[in-house]
Amino acid sequence: EAPRAALMTLDGSNMVEGFRRQGYATIGTGAVSWFNPALPAGRYLTEPFEHFKFFEGPHNASHTSSRRQVDWIHGTLDGAAEPWFVFATFGETHHRFIYEGCPWFDEVFHYGNANECKRRQRACLEYLDRQIQRLLAPLSNYDLVICSDHGEALGEDGLWGHGFHHPAIMRVPMLIRLAQ
């Protein structure tokens, strides 16, 4: 396929700064420790945003905050001039694979049963789908990119989790929708 012309060129030291320089309100929220502004990496990742809220939980990450994150985004969008660049990272699909109100919320759960991991992670994805639908419902004419930050090893080659290189970790879904 022939190369396509860029829809937009961003100028800045990172994507968020590039959108700000184009006149976008930059709004972000995170729930995993990489986005904790109290930590060095989190400061680096969150400082470029005009508005950023970290939802902390045990071990510097929240696995049950997507509903509150979406509410916060809506509230922030209400006060921000268009256009917007919105970034969100959610913790629900990370191990322990829990979400607010899930039936197994209080159960101790360790890796080791691939089928159960997949069942719980799928339920978390379905929950996140509902939150994202809620996020997008009042919006119109938007471009959208949805992707995961990493895959997850669920017993492949005896490996569990995601802090290493393996084909299971490199499988990352992505969806791109451009406004018409």
N, C-alpha and C. Protein backbone atom coordinates (compact mmCIF):
# COMPACT_ATOMS: atom_id res chain seq x y z
N GLU A 1 0.85 -1.18 0.00
CA GLU A 1 0.00 0.00 0.00
C GLU A 1 0.89 1.23 0.00
N ALA A 2 0.51 2.23 -0.74
CA ALA A 2 1.28 3.47 -0.83
C ALA A 2 1.20 4.23 0.49
N PRO A 3 2.28 4.92 0.85
CA PRO A 3 2.24 5.73 2.08
C PRO A 3 1.16 6.79 1.98
N ARG A 4 0.56 7.09 3.13
CA ARG A 4 -0.49 8.10 3.18
C ARG A 4 0.07 9.38 3.78
N ALA A 5 -0.49 10.48 3.39
CA ALA A 5 -0.09 11.77 3.97
C ALA A 5 -0.52 11.80 5.44
N ALA A 6 0.27 12.44 6.27
CA ALA A 6 -0.05 12.57 7.68
C ALA A 6 -1.29 13.44 7.84
N LEU A 7 -2.18 13.04 8.74
CA LEU A 7 -3.36 13.85 9.04
C LEU A 7 -2.98 15.07 9.86
N MET A 8 -1.92 14.92 10.68
CA MET A 8 -1.49 15.99 11.55
C MET A 8 -0.02 15.73 11.90
N THR A 9 0.75 16.76 12.00
CA THR A 9 2.13 16.63 12.46
C THR A 9 2.21 17.27 13.83
N LEU A 10 2.68 16.51 14.80
CA LEU A 10 2.80 17.01 16.16
C LEU A 10 4.23 17.46 16.43
N ASP A 11 4.38 18.64 16.97
CA ASP A 11 5.70 19.18 17.28
C ASP A 11 5.81 19.29 18.80
N GLY A 12 6.76 18.59 19.36
CA GLY A 12 6.98 18.64 20.80
C GLY A 12 7.85 17.48 21.22
N SER A 13 8.21 17.47 22.48
CA SER A 13 9.07 16.39 22.96
C SER A 13 8.30 15.09 23.19
N ASN A 14 6.96 15.15 23.15
CA ASN A 14 6.12 13.95 23.26
C ASN A 14 4.77 14.26 22.63
N MET A 15 3.96 13.25 22.51
CA MET A 15 2.66 13.38 21.85
C MET A 15 1.75 14.37 22.57
N VAL A 16 1.73 14.34 23.89
CA VAL A 16 0.84 15.22 24.64
C VAL A 16 1.24 16.68 24.40
N GLU A 17 2.53 16.97 24.47
CA GLU A 17 3.00 18.32 24.21
C GLU A 17 2.65 18.74 22.78
N GLY A 18 2.76 17.81 21.84
CA GLY A 18 2.40 18.10 20.46
C GLY A 18 0.94 18.49 20.31
N PHE A 19 0.05 17.76 20.98
CA PHE A 19 -1.37 18.12 20.93
C PHE A 19 -1.61 19.48 21.60
N ARG A 20 -0.95 19.74 22.71
CA ARG A 20 -1.11 21.05 23.37
C ARG A 20 -0.70 22.17 22.45
N ARG A 21 0.40 21.99 21.73
CA ARG A 21 0.87 23.03 20.81
C ARG A 21 -0.08 23.23 19.64
N GLN A 22 -0.89 22.22 19.34
CA GLN A 22 -1.90 22.34 18.28
C GLN A 22 -3.19 22.96 18.80
N GLY A 23 -3.24 23.30 20.10
CA GLY A 23 -4.41 23.94 20.68
C GLY A 23 -5.40 23.01 21.35
N TYR A 24 -5.02 21.76 21.55
CA TYR A 24 -5.90 20.79 22.20
C TYR A 24 -5.81 20.92 23.72
N ALA A 25 -6.94 20.76 24.39
CA ALA A 25 -6.93 20.56 25.84
C ALA A 25 -6.46 19.13 26.07
N THR A 26 -5.48 18.94 26.92
CA THR A 26 -4.93 17.59 27.15
C THR A 26 -5.38 17.09 28.52
N ILE A 27 -6.09 15.98 28.49
CA ILE A 27 -6.74 15.43 29.67
C ILE A 27 -6.33 13.96 29.77
N GLY A 28 -5.81 13.56 30.92
CA GLY A 28 -5.38 12.18 31.07
C GLY A 28 -5.71 11.63 32.43
N THR A 29 -5.83 10.32 32.48
CA THR A 29 -6.05 9.63 33.74
C THR A 29 -5.39 8.27 33.68
N GLY A 30 -4.90 7.83 34.81
CA GLY A 30 -4.23 6.54 34.87
C GLY A 30 -4.54 5.82 36.16
N ALA A 31 -4.36 4.51 36.12
CA ALA A 31 -4.65 3.70 37.30
C ALA A 31 -3.58 2.65 37.56
N VAL A 32 -2.50 2.66 36.78
CA VAL A 32 -1.39 1.74 37.03
C VAL A 32 -0.17 2.56 37.44
N SER A 33 0.75 1.94 38.14
CA SER A 33 1.83 2.67 38.81
C SER A 33 2.69 3.51 37.89
N TRP A 34 2.78 3.16 36.61
CA TRP A 34 3.56 3.97 35.68
C TRP A 34 3.06 5.41 35.63
N PHE A 35 1.81 5.64 35.96
CA PHE A 35 1.21 6.97 35.87
C PHE A 35 1.01 7.63 37.22
N ASN A 36 1.67 7.10 38.26
CA ASN A 36 1.60 7.71 39.58
C ASN A 36 2.56 8.89 39.60
N PRO A 37 2.06 10.14 39.68
CA PRO A 37 2.94 11.30 39.62
C PRO A 37 3.86 11.44 40.83
N ALA A 38 3.65 10.62 41.86
CA ALA A 38 4.56 10.63 43.01
C ALA A 38 5.84 9.86 42.72
N LEU A 39 5.87 9.12 41.62
CA LEU A 39 7.05 8.35 41.23
C LEU A 39 7.73 9.03 40.04
N PRO A 40 9.05 8.86 39.88
CA PRO A 40 9.75 9.56 38.79
C PRO A 40 9.17 9.30 37.39
N ALA A 41 8.89 8.05 37.05
CA ALA A 41 8.33 7.76 35.73
C ALA A 41 6.96 8.39 35.58
N GLY A 42 6.16 8.34 36.63
CA GLY A 42 4.83 8.93 36.59
C GLY A 42 4.87 10.43 36.41
N ARG A 43 5.79 11.09 37.07
CA ARG A 43 5.94 12.54 36.87
C ARG A 43 6.27 12.84 35.41
N TYR A 44 7.19 12.09 34.85
CA TYR A 44 7.59 12.29 33.46
C TYR A 44 6.41 12.09 32.51
N LEU A 45 5.59 11.08 32.76
CA LEU A 45 4.48 10.76 31.87
C LEU A 45 3.28 11.68 32.04
N THR A 46 3.10 12.25 33.23
CA THR A 46 1.88 13.02 33.50
C THR A 46 2.06 14.53 33.45
N GLU A 47 3.27 15.04 33.63
CA GLU A 47 3.47 16.49 33.66
C GLU A 47 3.05 17.21 32.38
N PRO A 48 3.18 16.60 31.19
CA PRO A 48 2.77 17.33 29.98
C PRO A 48 1.27 17.62 29.88
N PHE A 49 0.44 16.91 30.64
CA PHE A 49 -1.01 17.10 30.56
C PHE A 49 -1.43 18.37 31.29
N GLU A 50 -2.42 19.07 30.74
CA GLU A 50 -3.02 20.19 31.46
C GLU A 50 -3.81 19.67 32.66
N HIS A 51 -4.49 18.55 32.46
CA HIS A 51 -5.30 17.94 33.51
C HIS A 51 -4.95 16.45 33.56
N PHE A 52 -4.53 15.98 34.72
CA PHE A 52 -4.25 14.55 34.87
C PHE A 52 -4.65 14.12 36.27
N LYS A 53 -5.32 12.98 36.36
CA LYS A 53 -5.70 12.43 37.67
C LYS A 53 -5.29 10.97 37.72
N PHE A 54 -4.52 10.66 38.76
CA PHE A 54 -4.11 9.28 39.00
C PHE A 54 -5.04 8.68 40.05
N PHE A 55 -5.54 7.49 39.77
CA PHE A 55 -6.42 6.78 40.68
C PHE A 55 -5.61 5.68 41.34
N GLU A 56 -5.21 5.92 42.58
CA GLU A 56 -4.33 5.00 43.28
C GLU A 56 -5.13 3.95 44.04
N GLY A 57 -4.52 2.80 44.19
CA GLY A 57 -5.08 1.71 44.96
C GLY A 57 -3.93 0.99 45.64
N PRO A 58 -4.15 -0.24 46.08
CA PRO A 58 -3.06 -0.99 46.71
C PRO A 58 -1.87 -1.16 45.75
N HIS A 59 -0.68 -1.06 46.26
CA HIS A 59 0.55 -1.24 45.48
C HIS A 59 0.64 -0.22 44.33
N ASN A 60 0.19 1.01 44.58
CA ASN A 60 0.27 2.11 43.62
C ASN A 60 -0.53 1.90 42.35
N ALA A 61 -1.51 1.04 42.35
CA ALA A 61 -2.34 0.84 41.17
C ALA A 61 -3.77 0.54 41.59
N SER A 62 -4.71 0.94 40.78
CA SER A 62 -6.11 0.64 41.05
C SER A 62 -6.63 -0.28 39.96
N HIS A 63 -7.25 -1.36 40.38
CA HIS A 63 -7.84 -2.31 39.43
C HIS A 63 -9.35 -2.16 39.38
N THR A 64 -9.87 -1.12 40.05
CA THR A 64 -11.32 -0.98 40.13
C THR A 64 -11.77 0.47 39.96
N SER A 65 -11.07 1.25 39.19
CA SER A 65 -11.38 2.69 39.15
C SER A 65 -11.93 3.19 37.82
N SER A 66 -12.13 2.34 36.83
CA SER A 66 -12.50 2.85 35.50
C SER A 66 -13.81 3.64 35.52
N ARG A 67 -14.78 3.23 36.31
CA ARG A 67 -16.04 3.99 36.38
C ARG A 67 -15.77 5.40 36.89
N ARG A 68 -14.97 5.52 37.95
CA ARG A 68 -14.64 6.84 38.51
C ARG A 68 -13.76 7.64 37.55
N GLN A 69 -12.88 6.96 36.83
CA GLN A 69 -12.05 7.65 35.84
C GLN A 69 -12.91 8.26 34.73
N VAL A 70 -13.87 7.50 34.24
CA VAL A 70 -14.77 8.01 33.20
C VAL A 70 -15.57 9.19 33.73
N ASP A 71 -16.06 9.09 34.97
CA ASP A 71 -16.78 10.22 35.56
C ASP A 71 -15.89 11.45 35.64
N TRP A 72 -14.62 11.26 36.03
CA TRP A 72 -13.69 12.38 36.14
C TRP A 72 -13.43 12.99 34.75
N ILE A 73 -13.24 12.15 33.74
CA ILE A 73 -13.03 12.66 32.38
C ILE A 73 -14.22 13.50 31.95
N HIS A 74 -15.45 12.99 32.15
CA HIS A 74 -16.63 13.75 31.76
C HIS A 74 -16.67 15.10 32.46
N GLY A 75 -16.39 15.12 33.75
CA GLY A 75 -16.38 16.38 34.50
C GLY A 75 -15.31 17.34 34.00
N THR A 76 -14.17 16.81 33.62
CA THR A 76 -13.08 17.65 33.12
C THR A 76 -13.40 18.16 31.72
N LEU A 77 -13.98 17.33 30.88
CA LEU A 77 -14.37 17.77 29.54
C LEU A 77 -15.39 18.90 29.60
N ASP A 78 -16.27 18.86 30.59
CA ASP A 78 -17.30 19.91 30.71
C ASP A 78 -16.68 21.30 30.85
N GLY A 79 -15.49 21.38 31.46
CA GLY A 79 -14.87 22.68 31.66
C GLY A 79 -13.77 23.01 30.66
N ALA A 80 -13.50 22.14 29.73
CA ALA A 80 -12.38 22.35 28.79
C ALA A 80 -12.89 22.75 27.42
N ALA A 81 -12.17 23.68 26.80
CA ALA A 81 -12.53 24.09 25.44
C ALA A 81 -12.07 23.02 24.45
N GLU A 82 -12.85 22.83 23.37
CA GLU A 82 -12.47 21.89 22.32
C GLU A 82 -11.39 22.51 21.46
N PRO A 83 -10.60 21.74 20.78
CA PRO A 83 -10.60 20.27 20.73
C PRO A 83 -9.90 19.67 21.95
N TRP A 84 -10.14 18.38 22.16
CA TRP A 84 -9.57 17.66 23.29
C TRP A 84 -8.68 16.53 22.80
N PHE A 85 -7.67 16.23 23.60
CA PHE A 85 -6.92 14.98 23.49
C PHE A 85 -7.09 14.31 24.84
N VAL A 86 -7.73 13.13 24.84
CA VAL A 86 -8.00 12.42 26.08
C VAL A 86 -7.23 11.10 26.07
N PHE A 87 -6.54 10.84 27.17
CA PHE A 87 -5.77 9.61 27.33
C PHE A 87 -6.23 8.95 28.62
N ALA A 88 -6.48 7.65 28.57
CA ALA A 88 -6.87 6.92 29.78
C ALA A 88 -6.21 5.55 29.77
N THR A 89 -5.72 5.16 30.92
CA THR A 89 -5.22 3.80 31.09
C THR A 89 -5.93 3.22 32.31
N PHE A 90 -6.44 2.01 32.14
CA PHE A 90 -7.25 1.37 33.18
C PHE A 90 -6.53 0.15 33.73
N GLY A 91 -6.81 -0.18 34.97
CA GLY A 91 -6.13 -1.29 35.62
C GLY A 91 -6.90 -2.59 35.67
N GLU A 92 -8.16 -2.58 35.28
CA GLU A 92 -9.01 -3.75 35.48
C GLU A 92 -8.51 -5.02 34.79
N THR A 93 -7.86 -4.91 33.65
CA THR A 93 -7.45 -6.12 32.94
C THR A 93 -6.12 -6.68 33.42
N HIS A 94 -5.51 -6.06 34.39
CA HIS A 94 -4.26 -6.58 34.96
C HIS A 94 -4.58 -7.61 36.04
N HIS A 95 -3.64 -8.50 36.27
CA HIS A 95 -3.81 -9.52 37.31
C HIS A 95 -4.12 -8.82 38.62
N ARG A 96 -5.05 -9.09 39.23
CA ARG A 96 -5.94 -10.10 39.72
C ARG A 96 -7.18 -10.24 38.88
N PHE A 97 -7.29 -9.45 37.80
CA PHE A 97 -8.46 -9.51 36.94
C PHE A 97 -9.74 -9.30 37.74
N ILE A 98 -9.85 -8.10 38.30
CA ILE A 98 -11.04 -7.72 39.07
C ILE A 98 -11.57 -6.39 38.56
N TYR A 99 -12.81 -6.14 38.84
CA TYR A 99 -13.44 -4.86 38.54
C TYR A 99 -14.42 -4.57 39.65
N GLU A 100 -14.84 -3.32 39.73
CA GLU A 100 -15.75 -2.89 40.79
C GLU A 100 -17.02 -3.75 40.78
N GLY A 101 -17.28 -4.42 41.90
CA GLY A 101 -18.49 -5.21 42.04
C GLY A 101 -18.43 -6.61 41.44
N CYS A 102 -17.27 -7.06 40.97
CA CYS A 102 -17.22 -8.40 40.39
C CYS A 102 -17.43 -9.45 41.48
N PRO A 103 -18.02 -10.60 41.13
CA PRO A 103 -18.36 -11.62 42.12
C PRO A 103 -17.15 -12.20 42.86
N TRP A 104 -15.97 -12.13 42.30
CA TRP A 104 -14.78 -12.72 42.92
C TRP A 104 -13.86 -11.66 43.52
N PHE A 105 -14.39 -10.47 43.76
CA PHE A 105 -13.57 -9.34 44.19
C PHE A 105 -12.70 -9.66 45.41
N ASP A 106 -13.26 -10.31 46.42
CA ASP A 106 -12.53 -10.57 47.67
C ASP A 106 -11.76 -11.88 47.69
N GLU A 107 -11.83 -12.64 46.60
CA GLU A 107 -11.11 -13.92 46.56
C GLU A 107 -9.63 -13.70 46.30
N VAL A 108 -8.80 -14.47 46.99
CA VAL A 108 -7.37 -14.48 46.68
C VAL A 108 -7.22 -15.27 45.38
N PHE A 109 -6.47 -14.72 44.45
CA PHE A 109 -6.34 -15.39 43.15
C PHE A 109 -4.91 -15.29 42.67
N HIS A 110 -4.33 -16.42 42.40
CA HIS A 110 -2.96 -16.47 41.91
C HIS A 110 -2.97 -17.06 40.50
N TYR A 111 -1.94 -16.72 39.76
CA TYR A 111 -1.77 -17.35 38.46
C TYR A 111 -1.70 -18.87 38.64
N GLY A 112 -1.96 -19.59 37.57
CA GLY A 112 -1.82 -21.04 37.60
C GLY A 112 -2.93 -21.76 36.87
N ASN A 113 -4.08 -21.12 36.72
CA ASN A 113 -5.20 -21.72 36.01
C ASN A 113 -5.51 -20.83 34.80
N ALA A 114 -5.01 -21.21 33.63
CA ALA A 114 -5.14 -20.37 32.43
C ALA A 114 -6.60 -20.13 32.07
N ASN A 115 -7.43 -21.16 32.18
CA ASN A 115 -8.84 -20.99 31.82
C ASN A 115 -9.53 -19.99 32.73
N GLU A 116 -9.23 -20.05 34.02
CA GLU A 116 -9.85 -19.11 34.96
C GLU A 116 -9.31 -17.70 34.73
N CYS A 117 -8.01 -17.57 34.46
CA CYS A 117 -7.44 -16.26 34.15
C CYS A 117 -8.14 -15.66 32.93
N LYS A 118 -8.30 -16.44 31.89
CA LYS A 118 -8.94 -15.96 30.67
C LYS A 118 -10.40 -15.58 30.92
N ARG A 119 -11.10 -16.37 31.70
CA ARG A 119 -12.50 -16.08 32.00
C ARG A 119 -12.61 -14.75 32.75
N ARG A 120 -11.75 -14.57 33.76
CA ARG A 120 -11.81 -13.34 34.54
C ARG A 120 -11.35 -12.13 33.72
N GLN A 121 -10.32 -12.31 32.92
CA GLN A 121 -9.85 -11.19 32.12
C GLN A 121 -10.90 -10.80 31.08
N ARG A 122 -11.56 -11.79 30.49
CA ARG A 122 -12.64 -11.50 29.53
C ARG A 122 -13.77 -10.73 30.21
N ALA A 123 -14.13 -11.11 31.43
CA ALA A 123 -15.17 -10.38 32.16
C ALA A 123 -14.73 -8.94 32.44
N CYS A 124 -13.45 -8.76 32.74
CA CYS A 124 -12.93 -7.39 32.95
C CYS A 124 -13.00 -6.59 31.66
N LEU A 125 -12.68 -7.21 30.54
CA LEU A 125 -12.77 -6.51 29.25
C LEU A 125 -14.21 -6.11 28.94
N GLU A 126 -15.15 -6.99 29.24
CA GLU A 126 -16.56 -6.67 29.00
C GLU A 126 -16.99 -5.50 29.89
N TYR A 127 -16.53 -5.49 31.14
CA TYR A 127 -16.82 -4.38 32.04
C TYR A 127 -16.21 -3.08 31.47
N LEU A 128 -14.95 -3.14 31.03
CA LEU A 128 -14.31 -1.95 30.46
C LEU A 128 -15.02 -1.49 29.20
N ASP A 129 -15.50 -2.42 28.38
CA ASP A 129 -16.27 -2.04 27.19
C ASP A 129 -17.46 -1.17 27.59
N ARG A 130 -18.14 -1.54 28.68
CA ARG A 130 -19.29 -0.74 29.13
C ARG A 130 -18.84 0.64 29.60
N GLN A 131 -17.69 0.72 30.27
CA GLN A 131 -17.19 2.02 30.72
C GLN A 131 -16.79 2.90 29.54
N ILE A 132 -16.14 2.31 28.56
CA ILE A 132 -15.74 3.07 27.37
C ILE A 132 -16.97 3.52 26.59
N GLN A 133 -17.97 2.67 26.52
CA GLN A 133 -19.23 3.07 25.87
C GLN A 133 -19.82 4.27 26.59
N ARG A 134 -19.79 4.26 27.91
CA ARG A 134 -20.28 5.38 28.71
C ARG A 134 -19.46 6.64 28.46
N LEU A 135 -18.13 6.47 28.32
CA LEU A 135 -17.25 7.59 28.04
C LEU A 135 -17.59 8.24 26.70
N LEU A 136 -17.83 7.41 25.69
CA LEU A 136 -18.03 7.92 24.33
C LEU A 136 -19.46 8.37 24.04
N ALA A 137 -20.42 7.91 24.81
CA ALA A 137 -21.83 8.17 24.50
C ALA A 137 -22.15 9.64 24.26
N PRO A 138 -21.68 10.58 25.08
CA PRO A 138 -22.05 11.97 24.84
C PRO A 138 -21.19 12.68 23.79
N LEU A 139 -20.18 12.00 23.27
CA LEU A 139 -19.25 12.63 22.32
C LEU A 139 -19.71 12.38 20.89
N SER A 140 -19.23 13.22 19.99
CA SER A 140 -19.50 13.01 18.57
C SER A 140 -18.28 13.45 17.78
N ASN A 141 -18.14 12.92 16.57
CA ASN A 141 -17.07 13.32 15.66
C ASN A 141 -15.69 13.23 16.32
N TYR A 142 -15.34 12.06 16.77
CA TYR A 142 -14.05 11.86 17.44
C TYR A 142 -13.25 10.78 16.75
N ASP A 143 -11.94 10.91 16.83
CA ASP A 143 -11.03 9.84 16.44
C ASP A 143 -10.77 9.03 17.70
N LEU A 144 -10.56 7.74 17.55
CA LEU A 144 -10.40 6.88 18.70
C LEU A 144 -9.32 5.85 18.44
N VAL A 145 -8.43 5.67 19.40
CA VAL A 145 -7.45 4.59 19.37
C VAL A 145 -7.57 3.86 20.70
N ILE A 146 -7.80 2.58 20.63
CA ILE A 146 -7.84 1.74 21.82
C ILE A 146 -6.79 0.66 21.65
N CYS A 147 -5.91 0.54 22.61
CA CYS A 147 -4.93 -0.54 22.57
C CYS A 147 -4.54 -0.90 24.00
N SER A 148 -3.93 -2.03 24.11
CA SER A 148 -3.45 -2.51 25.40
C SER A 148 -1.99 -2.09 25.55
N ASP A 149 -1.51 -2.06 26.77
CA ASP A 149 -0.10 -1.72 26.98
C ASP A 149 0.80 -2.94 26.84
N HIS A 150 0.25 -4.12 26.96
CA HIS A 150 1.02 -5.35 26.82
C HIS A 150 0.07 -6.54 26.79
N GLY A 151 0.57 -7.66 26.33
CA GLY A 151 -0.17 -8.90 26.42
C GLY A 151 0.06 -9.53 27.79
N GLU A 152 -0.37 -10.75 27.94
CA GLU A 152 -0.26 -11.45 29.23
C GLU A 152 0.03 -12.92 28.97
N ALA A 153 1.07 -13.43 29.61
CA ALA A 153 1.35 -14.86 29.52
C ALA A 153 0.47 -15.58 30.53
N LEU A 154 -0.28 -16.54 30.04
CA LEU A 154 -1.18 -17.32 30.91
C LEU A 154 -0.81 -18.79 30.82
N GLY A 155 0.45 -19.06 31.14
CA GLY A 155 0.94 -20.43 31.17
C GLY A 155 1.73 -20.85 29.96
N GLU A 156 1.80 -20.02 28.91
CA GLU A 156 2.57 -20.38 27.73
C GLU A 156 4.03 -20.58 28.13
N ASP A 157 4.57 -21.72 27.74
CA ASP A 157 5.96 -22.08 28.08
C ASP A 157 6.23 -21.99 29.57
N GLY A 158 5.20 -22.21 30.38
CA GLY A 158 5.34 -22.18 31.84
C GLY A 158 5.46 -20.78 32.42
N LEU A 159 5.16 -19.74 31.63
CA LEU A 159 5.31 -18.36 32.08
C LEU A 159 3.97 -17.74 32.42
N TRP A 160 3.98 -16.85 33.42
CA TRP A 160 2.79 -16.16 33.86
C TRP A 160 3.12 -14.69 34.06
N GLY A 161 2.22 -13.81 33.66
CA GLY A 161 2.41 -12.38 33.88
C GLY A 161 2.89 -11.66 32.64
N HIS A 162 3.65 -10.57 32.86
CA HIS A 162 4.02 -9.76 31.71
C HIS A 162 5.33 -8.98 31.85
N GLY A 163 6.16 -9.19 32.75
CA GLY A 163 7.37 -8.39 32.89
C GLY A 163 8.57 -8.92 32.14
N PHE A 164 8.38 -9.54 30.98
CA PHE A 164 9.47 -10.19 30.25
C PHE A 164 9.09 -10.29 28.78
N HIS A 165 10.06 -10.69 27.96
CA HIS A 165 9.82 -10.81 26.52
C HIS A 165 9.34 -12.23 26.19
N HIS A 166 8.21 -12.32 25.55
CA HIS A 166 7.64 -13.58 25.09
C HIS A 166 6.56 -13.22 24.07
N PRO A 167 6.32 -14.06 23.07
CA PRO A 167 5.27 -13.74 22.08
C PRO A 167 3.91 -13.42 22.70
N ALA A 168 3.57 -14.07 23.82
CA ALA A 168 2.28 -13.78 24.46
C ALA A 168 2.21 -12.34 24.95
N ILE A 169 3.34 -11.80 25.36
CA ILE A 169 3.38 -10.42 25.85
C ILE A 169 3.30 -9.43 24.68
N MET A 170 3.80 -9.85 23.54
CA MET A 170 3.84 -8.97 22.37
C MET A 170 2.51 -8.92 21.61
N ARG A 171 1.57 -9.81 21.93
CA ARG A 171 0.24 -9.77 21.29
C ARG A 171 -0.57 -8.66 21.96
N VAL A 172 -0.72 -7.56 21.25
CA VAL A 172 -1.41 -6.39 21.80
C VAL A 172 -2.52 -5.99 20.84
N PRO A 173 -3.77 -6.05 21.30
CA PRO A 173 -4.87 -5.66 20.41
C PRO A 173 -4.87 -4.15 20.19
N MET A 174 -5.36 -3.73 19.03
CA MET A 174 -5.50 -2.32 18.73
C MET A 174 -6.72 -2.09 17.86
N LEU A 175 -7.44 -1.03 18.15
CA LEU A 175 -8.59 -0.61 17.36
C LEU A 175 -8.40 0.86 17.06
N ILE A 176 -8.55 1.26 15.81
CA ILE A 176 -8.46 2.65 15.42
C ILE A 176 -9.74 3.01 14.67
N ARG A 177 -10.37 4.11 15.08
CA ARG A 177 -11.57 4.60 14.40
C ARG A 177 -11.35 6.08 14.12
N LEU A 178 -11.42 6.47 12.86
CA LEU A 178 -11.27 7.87 12.49
C LEU A 178 -12.64 8.46 12.21
N ALA A 179 -12.84 9.68 12.69
CA ALA A 179 -14.13 10.36 12.48
C ALA A 179 -14.34 10.56 10.99
N GLN A 180 -15.57 10.59 10.58
CA GLN A 180 -15.90 10.79 9.17
C GLN A 180 -15.94 12.24 8.81
